[in-house]
C-alpha atoms as a PDB file:
ATOM      1  CA  MET A   1       0.000   0.000   0.000  1.00  0.00           C
ATOM      2  CA  SER A   2       2.804   2.377   0.858  1.00  0.00           C
ATOM      3  CA  ARG A   3       4.461   1.684  -2.494  1.00  0.00           C
ATOM      4  CA  ALA A   4       1.357   2.821  -4.430  1.00  0.00           C
ATOM      5  CA  LEU A   5       1.255   6.206  -2.749  1.00  0.00           C
ATOM      6  CA  PRO A   6       3.963   7.930  -4.837  1.00  0.00           C
ATOM      7  CA  LYS A   7       2.233   6.973  -8.082  1.00  0.00           C
ATOM      8  CA  TYR A   8      -1.108   8.118  -6.709  1.00  0.00           C
ATOM      9  CA  ASN A   9       0.376  11.421  -5.552  1.00  0.00           C
ATOM     10  CA  LYS A  10       2.056  11.946  -8.927  1.00  0.00           C
ATOM     11  CA  ARG A  11      -1.214  11.287 -10.764  1.00  0.00           C
ATOM     12  CA  ARG A  12      -3.052  13.665  -8.458  1.00  0.00           C
ATOM     13  CA  VAL A  13      -0.505  16.408  -9.140  1.00  0.00           C
ATOM     14  CA  VAL A  14      -0.927  15.944 -12.892  1.00  0.00           C
ATOM     15  CA  LEU A  15      -4.720  16.099 -12.634  1.00  0.00           C
ATOM     16  CA  ILE A  16      -4.660  19.174 -10.454  1.00  0.00           C
ATOM     17  CA  GLY A  17      -2.182  20.885 -12.776  1.00  0.00           C
ATOM     18  CA  GLY A  18      -4.360  20.127 -15.808  1.00  0.00           C
ATOM     19  CA  ALA A  19      -7.452  21.480 -14.085  1.00  0.00           C
ATOM     20  CA  ALA A  20      -5.581  24.635 -13.143  1.00  0.00           C
ATOM     21  CA  ALA A  21      -4.525  25.124 -16.751  1.00  0.00           C
ATOM     22  CA  VAL A  22      -8.133  24.782 -17.906  1.00  0.00           C
ATOM     23  CA  VAL A  23      -9.283  27.309 -15.302  1.00  0.00           C
ATOM     24  CA  LEU A  24      -6.498  29.713 -16.281  1.00  0.00           C
ATOM     25  CA  SER A  25      -7.350  29.414 -20.009  1.00  0.00           C
ATOM     26  CA  GLY A  26     -10.993  30.145 -19.230  1.00  0.00           C
ATOM     27  CA  ALA A  27      -9.996  33.203 -17.245  1.00  0.00           C
ATOM     28  CA  VAL A  28      -7.874  34.503 -20.119  1.00  0.00           C
ATOM     29  CA  ILE A  29     -10.711  34.002 -22.619  1.00  0.00           C
ATOM     30  CA  ALA A  30     -13.203  35.675 -20.280  1.00  0.00           C
ATOM     31  CA  GLY A  31     -10.787  38.547 -19.707  1.00  0.00           C
ATOM     32  CA  SER A  32     -10.389  39.029 -23.441  1.00  0.00           C
ATOM     33  CA  ALA A  33     -14.149  39.135 -23.909  1.00  0.00           C
ATOM     34  CA  LEU A  34     -14.562  41.670 -21.118  1.00  0.00           C
ATOM     35  CA  ALA A  35     -11.790  43.782 -22.623  1.00  0.00           C
ATOM     36  CA  GLY A  36     -14.039  44.288 -25.625  1.00  0.00           C
ATOM     37  CA  THR A  37     -11.805  43.460 -28.561  1.00  0.00           C
ATOM     38  CA  PRO A  38     -13.327  45.422 -31.514  1.00  0.00           C
ATOM     39  CA  ASP A  39     -15.162  43.269 -34.012  1.00  0.00           C
ATOM     40  CA  LYS A  40     -17.225  44.004 -37.099  1.00  0.00           C
ATOM     41  CA  GLY A  41     -20.347  44.581 -35.005  1.00  0.00           C
ATOM     42  CA  THR A  42     -18.578  47.111 -32.805  1.00  0.00           C
ATOM     43  CA  THR A  43     -17.156  48.918 -35.848  1.00  0.00           C
ATOM     44  CA  GLN A  44     -20.568  49.022 -37.475  1.00  0.00           C
ATOM     45  CA  SER A  45     -22.107  50.435 -34.287  1.00  0.00           C
ATOM     46  CA  ALA A  46     -19.451  53.143 -34.168  1.00  0.00           C
ATOM     47  CA  ARG A  47     -20.196  54.072 -37.775  1.00  0.00           C
ATOM     48  CA  THR A  48     -23.915  54.181 -37.047  1.00  0.00           C
ATOM     49  CA  LEU A  49     -23.308  56.605 -34.197  1.00  0.00           C
ATOM     50  CA  ALA A  50     -21.471  58.894 -36.621  1.00  0.00           C
ATOM     51  CA  ASP A  51     -24.453  59.093 -38.992  1.00  0.00           C
ATOM     52  CA  PRO A  52     -23.416  61.362 -41.897  1.00  0.00           C
ATOM     53  CA  GLY A  53     -26.994  62.104 -42.966  1.00  0.00           C
ATOM     54  CA  THR A  54     -28.400  61.785 -46.478  1.00  0.00           C
ATOM     55  CA  ILE A  55     -28.356  63.895 -49.626  1.00  0.00           C
ATOM     56  CA  SER A  56     -31.627  65.180 -51.023  1.00  0.00           C
ATOM     57  CA  CYS A  57     -32.046  66.653 -54.528  1.00  0.00           C
ATOM     58  CA  PRO A  58     -34.999  68.327 -56.297  1.00  0.00           C
ATOM     59  CA  ASP A  59     -37.033  66.021 -58.521  1.00  0.00           C
ATOM     60  CA  VAL A  60     -36.352  66.785 -62.182  1.00  0.00           C
ATOM     61  CA  LYS A  61     -38.836  64.443 -63.867  1.00  0.00           C
ATOM     62  CA  SER A  62     -41.872  66.167 -62.361  1.00  0.00           C
ATOM     63  CA  GLN A  63     -40.670  69.545 -63.675  1.00  0.00           C
ATOM     64  CA  LEU A  64     -40.289  68.507 -67.312  1.00  0.00           C
ATOM     65  CA  PRO A  65     -42.735  69.517 -70.046  1.00  0.00           C
ATOM     66  CA  ALA A  66     -44.212  66.906 -72.381  1.00  0.00           C
ATOM     67  CA  VAL A  67     -41.309  64.843 -73.725  1.00  0.00           C
ATOM     68  CA  PRO A  68     -41.357  64.134 -77.496  1.00  0.00           C
ATOM     69  CA  ALA A  69     -41.450  60.396 -78.247  1.00  0.00           C
ATOM     70  CA  THR A  70     -38.183  60.596 -80.173  1.00  0.00           C
ATOM     71  CA  ALA A  71     -36.447  62.085 -77.130  1.00  0.00           C
ATOM     72  CA  GLN A  72     -37.974  59.802 -74.500  1.00  0.00           C
ATOM     73  CA  ALA A  73     -35.181  57.208 -74.430  1.00  0.00           C
ATOM     74  CA  GLU A  74     -32.447  59.813 -74.017  1.00  0.00           C
ATOM     75  CA  VAL A  75     -34.410  61.675 -71.359  1.00  0.00           C
ATOM     76  CA  ASP A  76     -35.081  58.461 -69.417  1.00  0.00           C
ATOM     77  CA  ARG A  77     -31.417  57.495 -69.625  1.00  0.00           C
ATOM     78  CA  ASN A  78     -30.358  60.821 -68.109  1.00  0.00           C
ATOM     79  CA  LEU A  79     -33.063  60.705 -65.431  1.00  0.00           C
ATOM     80  CA  THR A  80     -31.663  57.321 -64.387  1.00  0.00           C
ATOM     81  CA  LEU A  81     -28.189  58.848 -64.355  1.00  0.00           C
ATOM     82  CA  LEU A  82     -29.419  61.560 -61.974  1.00  0.00           C
ATOM     83  CA  ASP A  83     -30.589  58.844 -59.558  1.00  0.00           C
ATOM     84  CA  THR A  84     -27.255  57.043 -59.882  1.00  0.00           C
ATOM     85  CA  GLN A  85     -25.364  60.246 -59.093  1.00  0.00           C
ATOM     86  CA  ILE A  86     -27.356  60.734 -55.882  1.00  0.00           C
ATOM     87  CA  THR A  87     -26.773  57.112 -54.841  1.00  0.00           C
ATOM     88  CA  GLU A  88     -23.028  57.447 -55.434  1.00  0.00           C
ATOM     89  CA  ALA A  89     -22.896  60.728 -53.509  1.00  0.00           C
ATOM     90  CA  ASN A  90     -24.711  59.176 -50.537  1.00  0.00           C
ATOM     91  CA  GLN A  91     -22.282  56.252 -50.558  1.00  0.00           C
ATOM     92  CA  ARG A  92     -19.352  58.641 -50.627  1.00  0.00           C
ATOM     93  CA  LEU A  93     -20.911  60.492 -47.710  1.00  0.00           C
ATOM     94  CA  VAL A  94     -20.774  57.256 -45.703  1.00  0.00           C
ATOM     95  CA  ASP A  95     -17.281  56.269 -46.866  1.00  0.00           C
ATOM     96  CA  THR A  96     -15.734  59.633 -45.954  1.00  0.00           C
ATOM     97  CA  VAL A  97     -17.534  60.357 -42.685  1.00  0.00           C
ATOM     98  CA  GLY A  98     -15.177  62.219 -40.357  1.00  0.00           C
ATOM     99  CA  GLN A  99     -12.740  63.192 -43.103  1.00  0.00           C
ATOM    100  CA  GLY A 100     -11.686  66.702 -44.119  1.00  0.00           C
ATOM    101  CA  GLY A 101     -12.460  70.010 -42.518  1.00  0.00           C
ATOM    102  CA  ALA A 102     -15.619  71.996 -41.887  1.00  0.00           C
ATOM    103  CA  ASN A 103     -16.447  72.409 -45.581  1.00  0.00           C
ATOM    104  CA  PHE A 104     -15.479  68.923 -46.773  1.00  0.00           C
ATOM    105  CA  VAL A 105     -19.021  67.745 -47.612  1.00  0.00           C
ATOM    106  CA  GLN A 106     -19.837  70.915 -49.528  1.00  0.00           C
ATOM    107  CA  ASN A 107     -16.527  71.026 -51.401  1.00  0.00           C
ATOM    108  CA  ALA A 108     -15.940  67.337 -52.086  1.00  0.00           C
ATOM    109  CA  ILE A 109     -19.466  65.902 -52.406  1.00  0.00           C
ATOM    110  CA  LEU A 110     -22.292  68.427 -52.814  1.00  0.00           C
ATOM    111  CA  GLY A 111     -20.332  70.743 -55.135  1.00  0.00           C
ATOM    112  CA  PRO A 112     -19.206  68.025 -57.560  1.00  0.00           C
ATOM    113  CA  LEU A 113     -22.697  66.481 -57.454  1.00  0.00           C
ATOM    114  CA  LYS A 114     -24.237  69.794 -58.483  1.00  0.00           C
ATOM    115  CA  ASP A 115     -21.820  70.104 -61.407  1.00  0.00           C
ATOM    116  CA  LYS A 116     -22.678  66.591 -62.599  1.00  0.00           C
ATOM    117  CA  ARG A 117     -26.395  67.324 -62.320  1.00  0.00           C
ATOM    118  CA  VAL A 118     -26.057  70.578 -64.274  1.00  0.00           C
ATOM    119  CA  SER A 119     -24.452  68.659 -67.129  1.00  0.00           C
ATOM    120  CA  THR A 120     -27.030  65.846 -67.049  1.00  0.00           C
ATOM    121  CA  ILE A 121     -30.010  68.202 -66.774  1.00  0.00           C
ATOM    122  CA  ASP A 122     -28.629  70.232 -69.662  1.00  0.00           C
ATOM    123  CA  ARG A 123     -28.554  67.096 -71.819  1.00  0.00           C
ATOM    124  CA  ILE A 124     -32.192  66.440 -70.941  1.00  0.00           C
ATOM    125  CA  ALA A 125     -33.174  69.968 -71.976  1.00  0.00           C
ATOM    126  CA  ILE A 126     -31.203  69.679 -75.233  1.00  0.00           C
ATOM    127  CA  ALA A 127     -32.863  66.340 -76.059  1.00  0.00           C
ATOM    128  CA  ILE A 128     -36.336  67.827 -75.586  1.00  0.00           C
ATOM    129  CA  GLY A 129     -35.379  70.961 -77.501  1.00  0.00           C
ATOM    130  CA  ARG A 130     -34.383  69.029 -80.613  1.00  0.00           C
ATOM    131  CA  GLN A 131     -38.018  68.168 -81.290  1.00  0.00           C
ATOM    132  CA  GLY A 132     -39.797  70.988 -79.500  1.00  0.00           C
ATOM    133  CA  THR A 133     -39.213  73.964 -77.225  1.00  0.00           C
ATOM    134  CA  LYS A 134     -36.149  73.597 -75.029  1.00  0.00           C
ATOM    135  CA  PRO A 135     -37.210  73.950 -71.370  1.00  0.00           C
ATOM    136  CA  GLN A 136     -35.564  76.821 -69.507  1.00  0.00           C
ATOM    137  CA  GLY A 137     -34.505  77.189 -65.891  1.00  0.00           C
ATOM    138  CA  LEU A 138     -33.991  73.499 -65.152  1.00  0.00           C
ATOM    139  CA  ASP A 139     -30.487  74.227 -63.839  1.00  0.00           C
ATOM    140  CA  ALA A 140     -32.177  75.596 -60.722  1.00  0.00           C
ATOM    141  CA  LEU A 141     -32.885  71.956 -59.821  1.00  0.00           C
ATOM    142  CA  ALA A 142     -29.201  70.986 -59.805  1.00  0.00           C
ATOM    143  CA  ALA A 143     -28.232  71.950 -56.245  1.00  0.00           C
ATOM    144  CA  CYS A 144     -28.735  69.329 -53.523  1.00  0.00           C
ATOM    145  CA  THR A 145     -28.781  69.559 -49.731  1.00  0.00           C
ATOM    146  CA  LEU A 146     -27.558  67.497 -46.797  1.00  0.00           C
ATOM    147  CA  ASN A 147     -30.340  66.332 -44.492  1.00  0.00           C
ATOM    148  CA  ALA A 148     -30.762  64.640 -41.114  1.00  0.00           C
ATOM    149  CA  ALA A 149     -27.633  64.084 -39.024  1.00  0.00           C
ATOM    150  CA  GLY A 150     -25.213  65.801 -41.397  1.00  0.00           C
ATOM    151  CA  THR A 151     -24.413  69.457 -41.873  1.00  0.00           C
ATOM    152  CA  THR A 152     -22.887  71.090 -44.899  1.00  0.00           C
ATOM    153  CA  ASN A 153     -20.769  73.509 -42.919  1.00  0.00           C
ATOM    154  CA  THR A 154     -19.859  74.003 -39.275  1.00  0.00           C
ATOM    155  CA  GLY A 155     -17.574  76.952 -39.889  1.00  0.00           C
ATOM    156  CA  GLY A 156     -19.897  79.192 -41.876  1.00  0.00           C
ATOM    157  CA  THR A 157     -23.598  79.700 -42.448  1.00  0.00           C
ATOM    158  CA  ALA A 158     -25.661  76.965 -44.072  1.00  0.00           C
ATOM    159  CA  THR A 159     -28.899  78.102 -45.701  1.00  0.00           C
ATOM    160  CA  GLY A 160     -31.071  75.536 -47.423  1.00  0.00           C
ATOM    161  CA  GLY A 161     -28.182  73.095 -47.363  1.00  0.00           C
ATOM    162  CA  THR A 162     -25.813  75.332 -49.311  1.00  0.00           C
ATOM    163  CA  ALA A 163     -22.837  76.349 -47.229  1.00  0.00           C
ATOM    164  CA  THR A 164     -21.381  79.819 -47.157  1.00  0.00           C
ATOM    165  CA  ALA A 165     -17.873  79.250 -45.887  1.00  0.00           C
ATOM    166  CA  ALA A 166     -16.263  81.492 -43.353  1.00  0.00           C
ATOM    167  CA  PRO A 167     -12.994  82.833 -44.774  1.00  0.00           C
ATOM    168  CA  SER A 168     -10.124  80.606 -43.774  1.00  0.00           C
ATOM    169  CA  ALA A 169      -7.099  81.953 -41.939  1.00  0.00           C
ATOM    170  CA  THR A 170      -5.007  80.930 -44.927  1.00  0.00           C
ATOM    171  CA  ALA A 171      -7.201  82.873 -47.336  1.00  0.00           C
ATOM    172  CA  ALA A 172      -7.082  85.923 -45.068  1.00  0.00           C
ATOM    173  CA  ALA A 173      -3.312  85.688 -44.901  1.00  0.00           C
ATOM    174  CA  THR A 174      -3.166  85.400 -48.670  1.00  0.00           C
ATOM    175  CA  GLN A 175      -5.172  88.603 -49.113  1.00  0.00           C
ATOM    176  CA  ALA A 176      -3.039  90.423 -46.556  1.00  0.00           C
ATOM    177  CA  ALA A 177       0.131  89.311 -48.300  1.00  0.00           C
ATOM    178  CA  GLY A 178      -1.091  90.458 -51.693  1.00  0.00           C
ATOM    179  CA  GLY A 179      -1.731  86.948 -52.999  1.00  0.00           C
ATOM    180  CA  THR A 180       1.712  85.513 -52.291  1.00  0.00           C
ATOM    181  CA  ALA A 181       0.163  82.204 -51.232  1.00  0.00           C
ATOM    182  CA  ALA A 182      -0.802  81.600 -54.855  1.00  0.00           C
ATOM    183  CA  THR A 183       2.714  80.306 -55.474  1.00  0.00           C
ATOM    184  CA  ALA A 184       2.307  77.719 -52.705  1.00  0.00           C
ATOM    185  CA  ALA A 185      -1.088  76.684 -54.060  1.00  0.00           C
ATOM    186  CA  GLY A 186       0.148  76.211 -57.620  1.00  0.00           C
ATOM    187  CA  THR A 187      -1.900  76.949 -60.735  1.00  0.00           C
ATOM    188  CA  ILE A 188      -4.385  74.990 -62.812  1.00  0.00           C
ATOM    189  CA  SER A 189      -3.543  74.253 -66.420  1.00  0.00           C
ATOM    190  CA  CYS A 190      -6.152  73.100 -68.973  1.00  0.00           C
ATOM    191  CA  PRO A 191      -5.892  72.039 -72.642  1.00  0.00           C
ATOM    192  CA  ASP A 192      -6.739  74.777 -75.147  1.00  0.00           C
ATOM    193  CA  VAL A 193     -10.099  74.078 -76.774  1.00  0.00           C
ATOM    194  CA  LYS A 194     -10.238  76.881 -79.348  1.00  0.00           C
ATOM    195  CA  SER A 195      -7.189  75.638 -81.238  1.00  0.00           C
ATOM    196  CA  GLN A 196      -8.747  72.167 -81.570  1.00  0.00           C
ATOM    197  CA  LEU A 197     -12.022  73.296 -83.136  1.00  0.00           C
ATOM    198  CA  PRO A 198     -12.868  72.845 -86.813  1.00  0.00           C
ATOM    199  CA  ALA A 199     -14.118  75.773 -88.887  1.00  0.00           C
ATOM    200  CA  VAL A 200     -16.989  77.359 -86.971  1.00  0.00           C
ATOM    201  CA  PRO A 201     -20.123  78.231 -89.001  1.00  0.00           C
ATOM    202  CA  ALA A 202     -20.913  81.957 -88.884  1.00  0.00           C
ATOM    203  CA  THR A 203     -24.334  81.276 -87.339  1.00  0.00           C
ATOM    204  CA  ALA A 204     -22.697  79.391 -84.452  1.00  0.00           C
ATOM    205  CA  GLN A 205     -19.798  81.795 -83.846  1.00  0.00           C
ATOM    206  CA  ALA A 206     -21.476  83.853 -81.121  1.00  0.00           C
ATOM    207  CA  GLU A 207     -22.491  80.801 -79.090  1.00  0.00           C
ATOM    208  CA  VAL A 208     -19.073  79.195 -79.506  1.00  0.00           C
ATOM    209  CA  ASP A 209     -17.295  82.397 -78.448  1.00  0.00           C
ATOM    210  CA  ARG A 210     -19.564  82.724 -75.423  1.00  0.00           C
ATOM    211  CA  ASN A 211     -18.709  79.206 -74.263  1.00  0.00           C
ATOM    212  CA  LEU A 212     -14.982  79.660 -74.949  1.00  0.00           C
ATOM    213  CA  THR A 213     -15.110  82.702 -72.676  1.00  0.00           C
ATOM    214  CA  LEU A 214     -16.923  80.601 -70.070  1.00  0.00           C
ATOM    215  CA  LEU A 215     -14.103  78.039 -70.186  1.00  0.00           C
ATOM    216  CA  ASP A 216     -11.618  80.801 -69.345  1.00  0.00           C
ATOM    217  CA  THR A 217     -13.855  82.017 -66.521  1.00  0.00           C
ATOM    218  CA  GLN A 218     -14.071  78.522 -65.075  1.00  0.00           C
ATOM    219  CA  ILE A 219     -10.281  78.225 -64.972  1.00  0.00           C
ATOM    220  CA  THR A 220      -9.958  81.647 -63.328  1.00  0.00           C
ATOM    221  CA  GLU A 221     -12.521  80.708 -60.676  1.00  0.00           C
ATOM    222  CA  ALA A 222     -10.813  77.364 -60.031  1.00  0.00           C
ATOM    223  CA  ASN A 223      -7.430  79.071 -59.588  1.00  0.00           C
ATOM    224  CA  GLN A 224      -8.984  81.507 -57.133  1.00  0.00           C
ATOM    225  CA  ARG A 225     -10.541  78.657 -55.217  1.00  0.00           C
ATOM    226  CA  LEU A 226      -7.139  76.980 -55.149  1.00  0.00           C
ATOM    227  CA  VAL A 227      -5.735  80.031 -53.380  1.00  0.00           C
ATOM    228  CA  ASP A 228      -8.686  80.444 -51.008  1.00  0.00           C
ATOM    229  CA  THR A 229      -8.563  76.828 -49.825  1.00  0.00           C
ATOM    230  CA  VAL A 230      -4.810  76.240 -49.676  1.00  0.00           C
ATOM    231  CA  GLY A 231      -4.014  73.945 -46.747  1.00  0.00           C
ATOM    232  CA  GLN A 232      -7.566  72.637 -46.410  1.00  0.00           C
ATOM    233  CA  GLY A 233      -8.665  69.009 -46.651  1.00  0.00           C
ATOM    234  CA  GLY A 234      -6.602  65.892 -47.108  1.00  0.00           C
ATOM    235  CA  ALA A 235      -4.309  64.548 -49.793  1.00  0.00           C
ATOM    236  CA  ASN A 236      -7.048  64.350 -52.430  1.00  0.00           C
ATOM    237  CA  PHE A 237      -8.752  67.661 -51.644  1.00  0.00           C
ATOM    238  CA  VAL A 238      -7.633  69.518 -54.786  1.00  0.00           C
ATOM    239  CA  GLN A 239      -8.640  66.631 -57.045  1.00  0.00           C
ATOM    240  CA  ASN A 240     -11.999  66.065 -55.359  1.00  0.00           C
ATOM    241  CA  ALA A 241     -13.027  69.635 -54.620  1.00  0.00           C
ATOM    242  CA  ILE A 242     -11.459  71.643 -57.467  1.00  0.00           C
ATOM    243  CA  LEU A 243     -10.109  69.654 -60.432  1.00  0.00           C
ATOM    244  CA  GLY A 244     -12.995  67.157 -60.473  1.00  0.00           C
ATOM    245  CA  PRO A 245     -15.772  69.782 -60.473  1.00  0.00           C
ATOM    246  CA  LEU A 246     -13.836  71.865 -63.016  1.00  0.00           C
ATOM    247  CA  LYS A 247     -13.678  68.900 -65.378  1.00  0.00           C
ATOM    248  CA  ASP A 248     -17.438  68.357 -65.064  1.00  0.00           C
ATOM    249  CA  LYS A 249     -18.101  72.011 -65.881  1.00  0.00           C
ATOM    250  CA  ARG A 250     -15.763  71.882 -68.871  1.00  0.00           C
ATOM    251  CA  VAL A 251     -17.403  68.709 -70.214  1.00  0.00           C
ATOM    252  CA  SER A 252     -20.765  70.473 -70.216  1.00  0.00           C
ATOM    253  CA  THR A 253     -19.386  73.663 -71.790  1.00  0.00           C
ATOM    254  CA  ILE A 254     -17.364  71.828 -74.442  1.00  0.00           C
ATOM    255  CA  ASP A 255     -20.431  69.740 -75.270  1.00  0.00           C
ATOM    256  CA  ARG A 256     -22.425  72.924 -75.896  1.00  0.00           C
ATOM    257  CA  ILE A 257     -19.688  74.133 -78.261  1.00  0.00           C
ATOM    258  CA  ALA A 258     -19.794  70.862 -80.210  1.00  0.00           C
ATOM    259  CA  ILE A 259     -23.596  70.960 -80.399  1.00  0.00           C
ATOM    260  CA  ALA A 260     -23.560  74.570 -81.654  1.00  0.00           C
ATOM    261  CA  ILE A 261     -21.118  73.664 -84.441  1.00  0.00           C
ATOM    262  CA  GLY A 262     -23.072  70.504 -85.260  1.00  0.00           C
ATOM    263  CA  ARG A 263     -26.312  72.369 -85.892  1.00  0.00           C
ATOM    264  CA  GLN A 264     -24.869  73.873 -89.062  1.00  0.00           C
ATOM    265  CA  GLY A 265     -22.234  71.291 -89.969  1.00  0.00           C
ATOM    266  CA  THR A 266     -20.511  68.176 -88.699  1.00  0.00           C
ATOM    267  CA  LYS A 267     -20.430  67.927 -84.922  1.00  0.00           C
ATOM    268  CA  PRO A 268     -16.785  67.600 -83.800  1.00  0.00           C
ATOM    269  CA  GLN A 269     -15.996  64.410 -81.891  1.00  0.00           C
ATOM    270  CA  GLY A 270     -13.568  63.700 -79.071  1.00  0.00           C
ATOM    271  CA  LEU A 271     -13.465  67.221 -77.616  1.00  0.00           C
ATOM    272  CA  ASP A 272     -14.294  65.823 -74.169  1.00  0.00           C
ATOM    273  CA  ALA A 273     -10.690  64.629 -74.015  1.00  0.00           C
ATOM    274  CA  LEU A 274      -9.786  68.298 -73.482  1.00  0.00           C
ATOM    275  CA  ALA A 275     -11.903  68.614 -70.329  1.00  0.00           C
ATOM    276  CA  ALA A 276      -9.446  67.332 -67.697  1.00  0.00           C
ATOM    277  CA  CYS A 277      -7.054  69.844 -66.142  1.00  0.00           C
ATOM    278  CA  THR A 278      -3.921  69.436 -64.056  1.00  0.00           C
ATOM    279  CA  LEU A 279      -2.297  71.171 -61.102  1.00  0.00           C
ATOM    280  CA  THR A 280       1.167  72.596 -61.745  1.00  0.00           C
ATOM    281  CA  LYS A 281       3.450  73.890 -59.024  1.00  0.00           C
END
């Protein structure tokens, strides 16, 4: 009997040690759970708490006159595009929540969305006008607003969802220094459209000249915005808030030039390739 005791004691030690290890492992697992290691559910909850709101745009379809049958397909295609643009903007609102400064939503989402809608609405009006009277004033439906939890601007005054930005310290310093910050901001360079045009019919010259002047104005305004917002936003601010919207405006303006020429001759193709601009330092 006395000889069996050492084996018994050894077995008891092993059993006790194993039980202790199980208890210790359970404690570690429980501790980890109580520590609240972030998981997908926690991340989703955090995102829900930071609700960015939703974008609301005026309804275009209800404001259209009778659409000629020959224009219906093109009009419907562009109405669908308007819906797609809103969906994409709302998704971007979610994806970029918390990014940028006070005017990020206005500059990087609502502004570019308005420019896209102006271009799309203009195509709708042109399509109707080919077979009837071109509707006027539809561009007033282009601007959208941020609703619910979001706000378009916390540093200025937001009226009807359109932000009026308070002048930035950088912009104020630029004005005080006589515009010296323009060098730091760089300048915007765009392809020349006039030199790429075919012969312009005399009856289209006035409209073409008017839109060529508008292209110059758009570049001037973009360069000024570059100066006024220097230092704002993240790495992609200039592309998202200035170059992107400028391209959209130029696409619409260049398209009007091509249409004007095409009414009296052959509509030039491929001019949209001249719409994109670049930032040079």
